[in-house]
PDB file of all heavy atoms in Angstrom:
ATOM      1  N   TYR A   1      -8.504   3.094   3.790  1.00  0.00           N
ATOM      2  CA  TYR A   1      -7.271   3.867   3.994  1.00  0.00           C
ATOM      3  C   TYR A   1      -6.708   3.627   5.387  1.00  0.00           C
ATOM      4  O   TYR A   1      -5.507   3.356   5.561  1.00  0.00           O
ATOM      5  CB  TYR A   1      -7.598   5.346   3.795  1.00  0.00           C
ATOM      6  CG  TYR A   1      -6.443   6.312   3.954  1.00  0.00           C
ATOM      7  CD1 TYR A   1      -5.714   6.740   2.846  1.00  0.00           C
ATOM      8  CD2 TYR A   1      -6.109   6.843   5.198  1.00  0.00           C
ATOM      9  CE1 TYR A   1      -4.684   7.662   2.973  1.00  0.00           C
ATOM     10  CE2 TYR A   1      -5.080   7.760   5.331  1.00  0.00           C
ATOM     11  CZ  TYR A   1      -4.367   8.165   4.222  1.00  0.00           C
ATOM     12  OH  TYR A   1      -3.343   9.071   4.363  1.00  0.00           O
ATOM     13  N   ASN A   2      -7.579   3.732   6.395  1.00  0.00           N
ATOM     14  CA  ASN A   2      -7.126   3.571   7.775  1.00  0.00           C
ATOM     15  C   ASN A   2      -6.750   2.131   8.100  1.00  0.00           C
ATOM     16  O   ASN A   2      -5.807   1.885   8.863  1.00  0.00           O
ATOM     17  CB  ASN A   2      -8.213   4.058   8.736  1.00  0.00           C
ATOM     18  CG  ASN A   2      -8.398   5.562   8.682  1.00  0.00           C
ATOM     19  OD1 ASN A   2      -7.440   6.313   8.536  1.00  0.00           O
ATOM     20  ND2 ASN A   2      -9.644   6.018   8.772  1.00  0.00           N
ATOM     21  N   THR A   3      -7.463   1.165   7.512  1.00  0.00           N
ATOM     22  CA  THR A   3      -7.155  -0.240   7.785  1.00  0.00           C
ATOM     23  C   THR A   3      -5.805  -0.636   7.208  1.00  0.00           C
ATOM     24  O   THR A   3      -4.964  -1.226   7.900  1.00  0.00           O
ATOM     25  CB  THR A   3      -8.258  -1.153   7.213  1.00  0.00           C
ATOM     26  OG1 THR A   3      -9.490  -0.882   7.888  1.00  0.00           O
ATOM     27  CG2 THR A   3      -7.897  -2.619   7.414  1.00  0.00           C
ATOM     28  N   ILE A   4      -5.576  -0.316   5.935  1.00  0.00           N
ATOM     29  CA  ILE A   4      -4.326  -0.761   5.310  1.00  0.00           C
ATOM     30  C   ILE A   4      -3.113  -0.011   5.836  1.00  0.00           C
ATOM     31  O   ILE A   4      -1.975  -0.435   5.615  1.00  0.00           O
ATOM     32  CB  ILE A   4      -4.378  -0.679   3.776  1.00  0.00           C
ATOM     33  CG1 ILE A   4      -4.489   0.774   3.293  1.00  0.00           C
ATOM     34  CG2 ILE A   4      -5.529  -1.527   3.238  1.00  0.00           C
ATOM     35  CD1 ILE A   4      -4.359   0.918   1.780  1.00  0.00           C
ATOM     36  N   ALA A   5      -3.339   1.099   6.543  1.00  0.00           N
ATOM     37  CA  ALA A   5      -2.209   1.804   7.151  1.00  0.00           C
ATOM     38  C   ALA A   5      -1.437   0.875   8.073  1.00  0.00           C
ATOM     39  O   ALA A   5      -0.200   0.955   8.172  1.00  0.00           O
ATOM     40  CB  ALA A   5      -2.700   3.019   7.928  1.00  0.00           C
ATOM     41  N   ASN A   6      -2.156  -0.063   8.739  1.00  0.00           N
ATOM     42  CA  ASN A   6      -1.514  -0.946   9.713  1.00  0.00           C
ATOM     43  C   ASN A   6      -1.748  -2.436   9.471  1.00  0.00           C
ATOM     44  O   ASN A   6      -1.036  -3.260  10.043  1.00  0.00           O
ATOM     45  CB  ASN A   6      -2.020  -0.593  11.115  1.00  0.00           C
ATOM     46  CG  ASN A   6      -1.639   0.817  11.538  1.00  0.00           C
ATOM     47  OD1 ASN A   6      -0.485   1.086  11.837  1.00  0.00           O
ATOM     48  ND2 ASN A   6      -2.615   1.721  11.529  1.00  0.00           N
ATOM     49  N   ASP A   7      -2.739  -2.778   8.674  1.00  0.00           N
ATOM     50  CA  ASP A   7      -3.075  -4.180   8.400  1.00  0.00           C
ATOM     51  C   ASP A   7      -2.260  -4.659   7.204  1.00  0.00           C
ATOM     52  O   ASP A   7      -2.571  -4.334   6.057  1.00  0.00           O
ATOM     53  CB  ASP A   7      -4.576  -4.302   8.122  1.00  0.00           C
ATOM     54  CG  ASP A   7      -5.046  -5.741   7.960  1.00  0.00           C
ATOM     55  OD1 ASP A   7      -4.346  -6.533   7.292  1.00  0.00           O
ATOM     56  OD2 ASP A   7      -6.126  -6.079   8.477  1.00  0.00           O
ATOM     57  N   ALA A   8      -1.232  -5.441   7.456  1.00  0.00           N
ATOM     58  CA  ALA A   8      -0.299  -5.847   6.404  1.00  0.00           C
ATOM     59  C   ALA A   8      -0.964  -6.696   5.332  1.00  0.00           C
ATOM     60  O   ALA A   8      -0.602  -6.612   4.152  1.00  0.00           O
ATOM     61  CB  ALA A   8       0.881  -6.592   7.010  1.00  0.00           C
ATOM     62  N   ARG A   9      -1.942  -7.531   5.718  1.00  0.00           N
ATOM     63  CA  ARG A   9      -2.594  -8.390   4.726  1.00  0.00           C
ATOM     64  C   ARG A   9      -3.422  -7.585   3.740  1.00  0.00           C
ATOM     65  O   ARG A   9      -3.284  -7.729   2.521  1.00  0.00           O
ATOM     66  CB  ARG A   9      -3.459  -9.435   5.441  1.00  0.00           C
ATOM     67  CG  ARG A   9      -3.905 -10.596   4.531  1.00  0.00           C
ATOM     68  CD  ARG A   9      -5.152 -10.311   3.728  1.00  0.00           C
ATOM     69  NE  ARG A   9      -6.330 -10.153   4.556  1.00  0.00           N
ATOM     70  CZ  ARG A   9      -7.536  -9.852   4.075  1.00  0.00           C
ATOM     71  NH1 ARG A   9      -7.712  -9.644   2.770  1.00  0.00           N
ATOM     72  NH2 ARG A   9      -8.573  -9.694   4.899  1.00  0.00           N
ATOM     73  N   GLN A  10      -4.282  -6.701   4.268  1.00  0.00           N
ATOM     74  CA  GLN A  10      -5.089  -5.901   3.350  1.00  0.00           C
ATOM     75  C   GLN A  10      -4.222  -4.916   2.566  1.00  0.00           C
ATOM     76  O   GLN A  10      -4.495  -4.615   1.403  1.00  0.00           O
ATOM     77  CB  GLN A  10      -6.202  -5.165   4.110  1.00  0.00           C
ATOM     78  CG  GLN A  10      -7.313  -6.087   4.590  1.00  0.00           C
ATOM     79  CD  GLN A  10      -8.617  -5.353   4.867  1.00  0.00           C
ATOM     80  OE1 GLN A  10      -8.962  -4.385   4.182  1.00  0.00           O
ATOM     81  NE2 GLN A  10      -9.365  -5.817   5.866  1.00  0.00           N
ATOM     82  N   ALA A  11      -3.176  -4.413   3.186  1.00  0.00           N
ATOM     83  CA  ALA A  11      -2.242  -3.544   2.475  1.00  0.00           C
ATOM     84  C   ALA A  11      -1.609  -4.287   1.307  1.00  0.00           C
ATOM     85  O   ALA A  11      -1.504  -3.753   0.193  1.00  0.00           O
ATOM     86  CB  ALA A  11      -1.163  -3.040   3.425  1.00  0.00           C
ATOM     87  N   TYR A  12      -1.210  -5.537   1.563  1.00  0.00           N
ATOM     88  CA  TYR A  12      -0.613  -6.354   0.494  1.00  0.00           C
ATOM     89  C   TYR A  12      -1.596  -6.526  -0.659  1.00  0.00           C
ATOM     90  O   TYR A  12      -1.213  -6.464  -1.835  1.00  0.00           O
ATOM     91  CB  TYR A  12      -0.210  -7.720   1.054  1.00  0.00           C
ATOM     92  CG  TYR A  12       0.249  -8.701   0.002  1.00  0.00           C
ATOM     93  CD1 TYR A  12       1.560  -8.683  -0.475  1.00  0.00           C
ATOM     94  CD2 TYR A  12      -0.639  -9.631  -0.541  1.00  0.00           C
ATOM     95  CE1 TYR A  12       1.975  -9.571  -1.459  1.00  0.00           C
ATOM     96  CE2 TYR A  12      -0.232 -10.521  -1.523  1.00  0.00           C
ATOM     97  CZ  TYR A  12       1.075 -10.494  -1.979  1.00  0.00           C
ATOM     98  OH  TYR A  12       1.478 -11.371  -2.964  1.00  0.00           O
ATOM     99  N   ASP A  13      -2.867  -6.729  -0.340  1.00  0.00           N
ATOM    100  CA  ASP A  13      -3.874  -6.932  -1.377  1.00  0.00           C
ATOM    101  C   ASP A  13      -4.044  -5.685  -2.242  1.00  0.00           C
ATOM    102  O   ASP A  13      -4.124  -5.771  -3.472  1.00  0.00           O
ATOM    103  CB  ASP A  13      -5.217  -7.301  -0.743  1.00  0.00           C
ATOM    104  CG  ASP A  13      -5.168  -8.612   0.020  1.00  0.00           C
ATOM    105  OD1 ASP A  13      -4.257  -9.416  -0.242  1.00  0.00           O
ATOM    106  OD2 ASP A  13      -6.034  -8.815   0.892  1.00  0.00           O
ATOM    107  N   VAL A  14      -4.087  -4.521  -1.613  1.00  0.00           N
ATOM    108  CA  VAL A  14      -4.218  -3.275  -2.365  1.00  0.00           C
ATOM    109  C   VAL A  14      -2.972  -3.034  -3.210  1.00  0.00           C
ATOM    110  O   VAL A  14      -3.061  -2.663  -4.387  1.00  0.00           O
ATOM    111  CB  VAL A  14      -4.481  -2.090  -1.421  1.00  0.00           C
ATOM    112  CG1 VAL A  14      -4.376  -0.756  -2.164  1.00  0.00           C
ATOM    113  CG2 VAL A  14      -5.858  -2.229  -0.777  1.00  0.00           C
ATOM    114  N   ILE A  15      -1.807  -3.242  -2.636  1.00  0.00           N
ATOM    115  CA  ILE A  15      -0.550  -3.085  -3.376  1.00  0.00           C
ATOM    116  C   ILE A  15      -0.518  -4.030  -4.574  1.00  0.00           C
ATOM    117  O   ILE A  15      -0.140  -3.648  -5.686  1.00  0.00           O
ATOM    118  CB  ILE A  15       0.657  -3.352  -2.445  1.00  0.00           C
ATOM    119  CG1 ILE A  15       0.766  -2.244  -1.394  1.00  0.00           C
ATOM    120  CG2 ILE A  15       1.956  -3.456  -3.242  1.00  0.00           C
ATOM    121  CD1 ILE A  15       1.697  -2.574  -0.240  1.00  0.00           C
ATOM    122  N   THR A  16      -0.928  -5.281  -4.356  1.00  0.00           N
ATOM    123  CA  THR A  16      -0.956  -6.275  -5.430  1.00  0.00           C
ATOM    124  C   THR A  16      -1.903  -5.846  -6.543  1.00  0.00           C
ATOM    125  O   THR A  16      -1.583  -5.972  -7.738  1.00  0.00           O
ATOM    126  CB  THR A  16      -1.386  -7.642  -4.876  1.00  0.00           C
ATOM    127  OG1 THR A  16      -0.450  -8.071  -3.890  1.00  0.00           O
ATOM    128  CG2 THR A  16      -1.467  -8.696  -5.981  1.00  0.00           C
ATOM    129  N   GLY A  17      -3.076  -5.315  -6.159  1.00  0.00           N
ATOM    130  CA  GLY A  17      -4.033  -4.852  -7.151  1.00  0.00           C
ATOM    131  C   GLY A  17      -3.501  -3.696  -7.969  1.00  0.00           C
ATOM    132  O   GLY A  17      -3.672  -3.649  -9.197  1.00  0.00           O
ATOM    133  N   ILE A  18      -2.852  -2.746  -7.307  1.00  0.00           N
ATOM    134  CA  ILE A  18      -2.274  -1.601  -8.013  1.00  0.00           C
ATOM    135  C   ILE A  18      -1.226  -2.066  -9.015  1.00  0.00           C
ATOM    136  O   ILE A  18      -1.231  -1.675 -10.191  1.00  0.00           O
ATOM    137  CB  ILE A  18      -1.656  -0.601  -7.020  1.00  0.00           C
ATOM    138  CG1 ILE A  18      -2.737   0.037  -6.150  1.00  0.00           C
ATOM    139  CG2 ILE A  18      -0.866   0.489  -7.768  1.00  0.00           C
ATOM    140  CD1 ILE A  18      -2.200   0.870  -4.996  1.00  0.00           C
ATOM    141  N   LYS A  19      -0.319  -2.933  -8.567  1.00  0.00           N
ATOM    142  CA  LYS A  19       0.763  -3.403  -9.434  1.00  0.00           C
ATOM    143  C   LYS A  19       0.231  -4.208 -10.606  1.00  0.00           C
ATOM    144  O   LYS A  19       0.819  -4.199 -11.695  1.00  0.00           O
ATOM    145  CB  LYS A  19       1.768  -4.220  -8.625  1.00  0.00           C
ATOM    146  CG  LYS A  19       2.558  -3.385  -7.616  1.00  0.00           C
ATOM    147  CD  LYS A  19       3.523  -4.226  -6.805  1.00  0.00           C
ATOM    148  CE  LYS A  19       4.643  -4.764  -7.668  1.00  0.00           C
ATOM    149  NZ  LYS A  19       5.643  -5.511  -6.877  1.00  0.00           N
ATOM    150  N   ALA A  20      -0.882  -4.907 -10.399  1.00  0.00           N
ATOM    151  CA  ALA A  20      -1.462  -5.701 -11.483  1.00  0.00           C
ATOM    152  C   ALA A  20      -1.993  -4.809 -12.604  1.00  0.00           C
ATOM    153  O   ALA A  20      -2.004  -5.207 -13.774  1.00  0.00           O
ATOM    154  CB  ALA A  20      -2.591  -6.581 -10.947  1.00  0.00           C
ATOM    155  N   VAL A  21      -2.419  -3.607 -12.246  1.00  0.00           N
ATOM    156  CA  VAL A  21      -2.934  -2.674 -13.247  1.00  0.00           C
ATOM    157  C   VAL A  21      -1.805  -1.874 -13.874  1.00  0.00           C
ATOM    158  O   VAL A  21      -1.647  -1.811 -15.085  1.00  0.00           O
ATOM    159  CB  VAL A  21      -3.973  -1.712 -12.620  1.00  0.00           C
ATOM    160  CG1 VAL A  21      -4.451  -0.693 -13.661  1.00  0.00           C
ATOM    161  CG2 VAL A  21      -5.151  -2.481 -12.063  1.00  0.00           C
ATOM    162  N   ASP A  22      -0.994  -1.234 -13.017  1.00  0.00           N
ATOM    163  CA  ASP A  22       0.075  -0.367 -13.509  1.00  0.00           C
ATOM    164  C   ASP A  22       1.023  -0.057 -12.356  1.00  0.00           C
ATOM    165  O   ASP A  22       0.693   0.732 -11.466  1.00  0.00           O
ATOM    166  CB  ASP A  22      -0.514   0.926 -14.072  1.00  0.00           C
ATOM    167  CG  ASP A  22       0.532   1.861 -14.668  1.00  0.00           C
ATOM    168  OD1 ASP A  22       1.739   1.573 -14.538  1.00  0.00           O
ATOM    169  OD2 ASP A  22       0.138   2.889 -15.252  1.00  0.00           O
ATOM    170  N   SER A  23       2.186  -0.659 -12.374  1.00  0.00           N
ATOM    171  CA  SER A  23       3.138  -0.488 -11.268  1.00  0.00           C
ATOM    172  C   SER A  23       3.735   0.912 -11.213  1.00  0.00           C
ATOM    173  O   SER A  23       4.418   1.259 -10.246  1.00  0.00           O
ATOM    174  CB  SER A  23       4.266  -1.521 -11.370  1.00  0.00           C
ATOM    175  OG  SER A  23       4.971  -1.378 -12.589  1.00  0.00           O
ATOM    176  N   SER A  24       3.482   1.738 -12.231  1.00  0.00           N
ATOM    177  CA  SER A  24       3.987   3.115 -12.194  1.00  0.00           C
ATOM    178  C   SER A  24       3.053   4.047 -11.421  1.00  0.00           C
ATOM    179  O   SER A  24       3.405   5.195 -11.152  1.00  0.00           O
ATOM    180  CB  SER A  24       4.175   3.656 -13.617  1.00  0.00           C
ATOM    181  OG  SER A  24       2.927   3.925 -14.237  1.00  0.00           O
ATOM    182  N   LEU A  25       1.864   3.559 -11.048  1.00  0.00           N
ATOM    183  CA  LEU A  25       0.949   4.377 -10.258  1.00  0.00           C
ATOM    184  C   LEU A  25       1.518   4.584  -8.856  1.00  0.00           C
ATOM    185  O   LEU A  25       1.925   3.631  -8.204  1.00  0.00           O
ATOM    186  CB  LEU A  25      -0.418   3.701 -10.153  1.00  0.00           C
ATOM    187  CG  LEU A  25      -1.237   3.573 -11.439  1.00  0.00           C
ATOM    188  CD1 LEU A  25      -2.463   2.701 -11.186  1.00  0.00           C
ATOM    189  CD2 LEU A  25      -1.640   4.946 -11.967  1.00  0.00           C
ATOM    190  N   ALA A  26       1.530   5.828  -8.405  1.00  0.00           N
ATOM    191  CA  ALA A  26       1.994   6.123  -7.045  1.00  0.00           C
ATOM    192  C   ALA A  26       0.881   5.798  -6.053  1.00  0.00           C
ATOM    193  O   ALA A  26      -0.298   5.752  -6.402  1.00  0.00           O
ATOM    194  CB  ALA A  26       2.385   7.586  -6.934  1.00  0.00           C
ATOM    195  N   LEU A  27       1.260   5.555  -4.807  1.00  0.00           N
ATOM    196  CA  LEU A  27       0.305   5.335  -3.731  1.00  0.00           C
ATOM    197  C   LEU A  27       0.376   6.511  -2.774  1.00  0.00           C
ATOM    198  O   LEU A  27       1.442   6.835  -2.257  1.00  0.00           O
ATOM    199  CB  LEU A  27       0.617   4.039  -2.984  1.00  0.00           C
ATOM    200  CG  LEU A  27      -0.237   3.759  -1.739  1.00  0.00           C
ATOM    201  CD1 LEU A  27      -1.691   3.512  -2.123  1.00  0.00           C
ATOM    202  CD2 LEU A  27       0.322   2.575  -0.951  1.00  0.00           C
ATOM    203  N   LEU A  28      -0.746   7.154  -2.532  1.00  0.00           N
ATOM    204  CA  LEU A  28      -0.836   8.239  -1.559  1.00  0.00           C
ATOM    205  C   LEU A  28      -1.269   7.619  -0.241  1.00  0.00           C
ATOM    206  O   LEU A  28      -2.330   7.001  -0.151  1.00  0.00           O
ATOM    207  CB  LEU A  28      -1.853   9.275  -2.033  1.00  0.00           C
ATOM    208  CG  LEU A  28      -1.916  10.624  -1.320  1.00  0.00           C
ATOM    209  CD1 LEU A  28      -0.557  11.314  -1.323  1.00  0.00           C
ATOM    210  CD2 LEU A  28      -2.956  11.524  -1.994  1.00  0.00           C
ATOM    211  N   ALA A  29      -0.420   7.749   0.798  1.00  0.00           N
ATOM    212  CA  ALA A  29      -0.646   7.010   2.042  1.00  0.00           C
ATOM    213  C   ALA A  29      -0.417   7.887   3.271  1.00  0.00           C
ATOM    214  O   ALA A  29       0.215   8.945   3.197  1.00  0.00           O
ATOM    215  CB  ALA A  29       0.268   5.791   2.089  1.00  0.00           C
ATOM    216  N   LEU A  30      -0.916   7.399   4.408  1.00  0.00           N
ATOM    217  CA  LEU A  30      -0.799   8.115   5.671  1.00  0.00           C
ATOM    218  C   LEU A  30       0.657   8.183   6.129  1.00  0.00           C
ATOM    219  O   LEU A  30       1.324   7.159   6.297  1.00  0.00           O
ATOM    220  CB  LEU A  30      -1.645   7.411   6.738  1.00  0.00           C
ATOM    221  CG  LEU A  30      -1.645   8.039   8.131  1.00  0.00           C
ATOM    222  CD1 LEU A  30      -2.291   9.419   8.107  1.00  0.00           C
ATOM    223  CD2 LEU A  30      -2.388   7.130   9.110  1.00  0.00           C
ATOM    224  N   SER A  31       1.131   9.363   6.357  1.00  0.00           N
ATOM    225  CA  SER A  31       2.510   9.569   6.775  1.00  0.00           C
ATOM    226  C   SER A  31       2.820   8.795   8.060  1.00  0.00           C
ATOM    227  O   SER A  31       2.052   8.813   9.015  1.00  0.00           O
ATOM    228  CB  SER A  31       2.758  11.058   7.020  1.00  0.00           C
ATOM    229  OG  SER A  31       4.080  11.293   7.461  1.00  0.00           O
ATOM    230  N   GLY A  32       3.940   8.092   8.043  1.00  0.00           N
ATOM    231  CA  GLY A  32       4.402   7.378   9.227  1.00  0.00           C
ATOM    232  C   GLY A  32       3.801   6.009   9.436  1.00  0.00           C
ATOM    233  O   GLY A  32       4.228   5.275  10.332  1.00  0.00           O
ATOM    234  N   ALA A  33       2.819   5.620   8.636  1.00  0.00           N
ATOM    235  CA  ALA A  33       2.160   4.325   8.808  1.00  0.00           C
ATOM    236  C   ALA A  33       3.013   3.197   8.212  1.00  0.00           C
ATOM    237  O   ALA A  33       3.778   3.416   7.267  1.00  0.00           O
ATOM    238  CB  ALA A  33       0.785   4.334   8.149  1.00  0.00           C
ATOM    239  N   PRO A  34       2.888   1.971   8.741  1.00  0.00           N
ATOM    240  CA  PRO A  34       3.671   0.835   8.230  1.00  0.00           C
ATOM    241  C   PRO A  34       3.512   0.582   6.734  1.00  0.00           C
ATOM    242  O   PRO A  34       4.438   0.103   6.086  1.00  0.00           O
ATOM    243  CB  PRO A  34       3.131  -0.341   9.050  1.00  0.00           C
ATOM    244  CG  PRO A  34       2.702   0.270  10.337  1.00  0.00           C
ATOM    245  CD  PRO A  34       2.130   1.604   9.962  1.00  0.00           C
ATOM    246  N   ILE A  35       2.345   0.927   6.162  1.00  0.00           N
ATOM    247  CA  ILE A  35       2.141   0.669   4.743  1.00  0.00           C
ATOM    248  C   ILE A  35       3.130   1.432   3.870  1.00  0.00           C
ATOM    249  O   ILE A  35       3.446   1.008   2.761  1.00  0.00           O
ATOM    250  CB  ILE A  35       0.697   1.003   4.304  1.00  0.00           C
ATOM    251  CG1 ILE A  35       0.463   0.486   2.877  1.00  0.00           C
ATOM    252  CG2 ILE A  35       0.409   2.483   4.429  1.00  0.00           C
ATOM    253  CD1 ILE A  35      -0.933   0.661   2.350  1.00  0.00           C
ATOM    254  N   VAL A  36       3.650   2.547   4.369  1.00  0.00           N
ATOM    255  CA  VAL A  36       4.581   3.342   3.572  1.00  0.00           C
ATOM    256  C   VAL A  36       5.800   2.510   3.195  1.00  0.00           C
ATOM    257  O   VAL A  36       6.161   2.392   2.016  1.00  0.00           O
ATOM    258  CB  VAL A  36       4.997   4.624   4.321  1.00  0.00           C
ATOM    259  CG1 VAL A  36       6.099   5.355   3.550  1.00  0.00           C
ATOM    260  CG2 VAL A  36       3.796   5.536   4.531  1.00  0.00           C
ATOM    261  N   GLU A  37       6.434   1.888   4.175  1.00  0.00           N
ATOM    262  CA  GLU A  37       7.609   1.072   3.894  1.00  0.00           C
ATOM    263  C   GLU A  37       7.231  -0.237   3.191  1.00  0.00           C
ATOM    264  O   GLU A  37       7.985  -0.737   2.364  1.00  0.00           O
ATOM    265  CB  GLU A  37       8.376   0.782   5.183  1.00  0.00           C
ATOM    266  CG  GLU A  37       9.030   2.023   5.782  1.00  0.00           C
ATOM    267  CD  GLU A  37       9.891   2.770   4.769  1.00  0.00           C
ATOM    268  OE1 GLU A  37      10.636   2.102   4.004  1.00  0.00           O
ATOM    269  OE2 GLU A  37       9.824   4.008   4.722  1.00  0.00           O
ATOM    270  N   GLN A  38       6.066  -0.792   3.531  1.00  0.00           N
ATOM    271  CA  GLN A  38       5.624  -2.026   2.884  1.00  0.00           C
ATOM    272  C   GLN A  38       5.443  -1.815   1.375  1.00  0.00           C
ATOM    273  O   GLN A  38       5.884  -2.642   0.561  1.00  0.00           O
ATOM    274  CB  GLN A  38       4.307  -2.507   3.502  1.00  0.00           C
ATOM    275  CG  GLN A  38       3.817  -3.847   2.939  1.00  0.00           C
ATOM    276  CD  GLN A  38       2.526  -4.313   3.592  1.00  0.00           C
ATOM    277  OE1 GLN A  38       2.042  -3.707   4.556  1.00  0.00           O
ATOM    278  NE2 GLN A  38       1.961  -5.387   3.091  1.00  0.00           N
ATOM    279  N   ALA A  39       4.816  -0.721   1.004  1.00  0.00           N
ATOM    280  CA  ALA A  39       4.580  -0.448  -0.410  1.00  0.00           C
ATOM    281  C   ALA A  39       5.874  -0.096  -1.139  1.00  0.00           C
ATOM    282  O   ALA A  39       6.085  -0.501  -2.287  1.00  0.00           O
ATOM    283  CB  ALA A  39       3.556   0.672  -0.565  1.00  0.00           C
ATOM    284  N   ARG A  40       6.747   0.654  -0.470  1.00  0.00           N
ATOM    285  CA  ARG A  40       8.027   0.987  -1.094  1.00  0.00           C
ATOM    286  C   ARG A  40       8.867  -0.273  -1.311  1.00  0.00           C
ATOM    287  O   ARG A  40       9.516  -0.427  -2.346  1.00  0.00           O
ATOM    288  CB  ARG A  40       8.777   2.004  -0.228  1.00  0.00           C
ATOM    289  CG  ARG A  40       8.216   3.417  -0.345  1.00  0.00           C
ATOM    290  CD  ARG A  40       8.850   4.392   0.624  1.00  0.00           C
ATOM    291  NE  ARG A  40       8.351   5.757   0.405  1.00  0.00           N
ATOM    292  CZ  ARG A  40       8.471   6.757   1.250  1.00  0.00           C
ATOM    293  NH1 ARG A  40       9.100   6.562   2.423  1.00  0.00           N
ATOM    294  NH2 ARG A  40       7.987   7.950   0.979  1.00  0.00           N
ATOM    295  N   ALA A  41       8.842  -1.190  -0.339  1.00  0.00           N
ATOM    296  CA  ALA A  41       9.580  -2.444  -0.480  1.00  0.00           C
ATOM    297  C   ALA A  41       9.032  -3.281  -1.625  1.00  0.00           C
ATOM    298  O   ALA A  41       9.769  -4.060  -2.252  1.00  0.00           O
ATOM    299  CB  ALA A  41       9.512  -3.234   0.827  1.00  0.00           C
TER     300      ALA A  41
END
């Protein structure tokens, strides 16, 4: 959780994994962290 908040590569991997299973799944993330906009994009 803490790593992907700021690590764009690992965040991308988690986002990719989620979308591969079900893109309708929401992501619960740390408020204000870069992953928020990365996942929304």
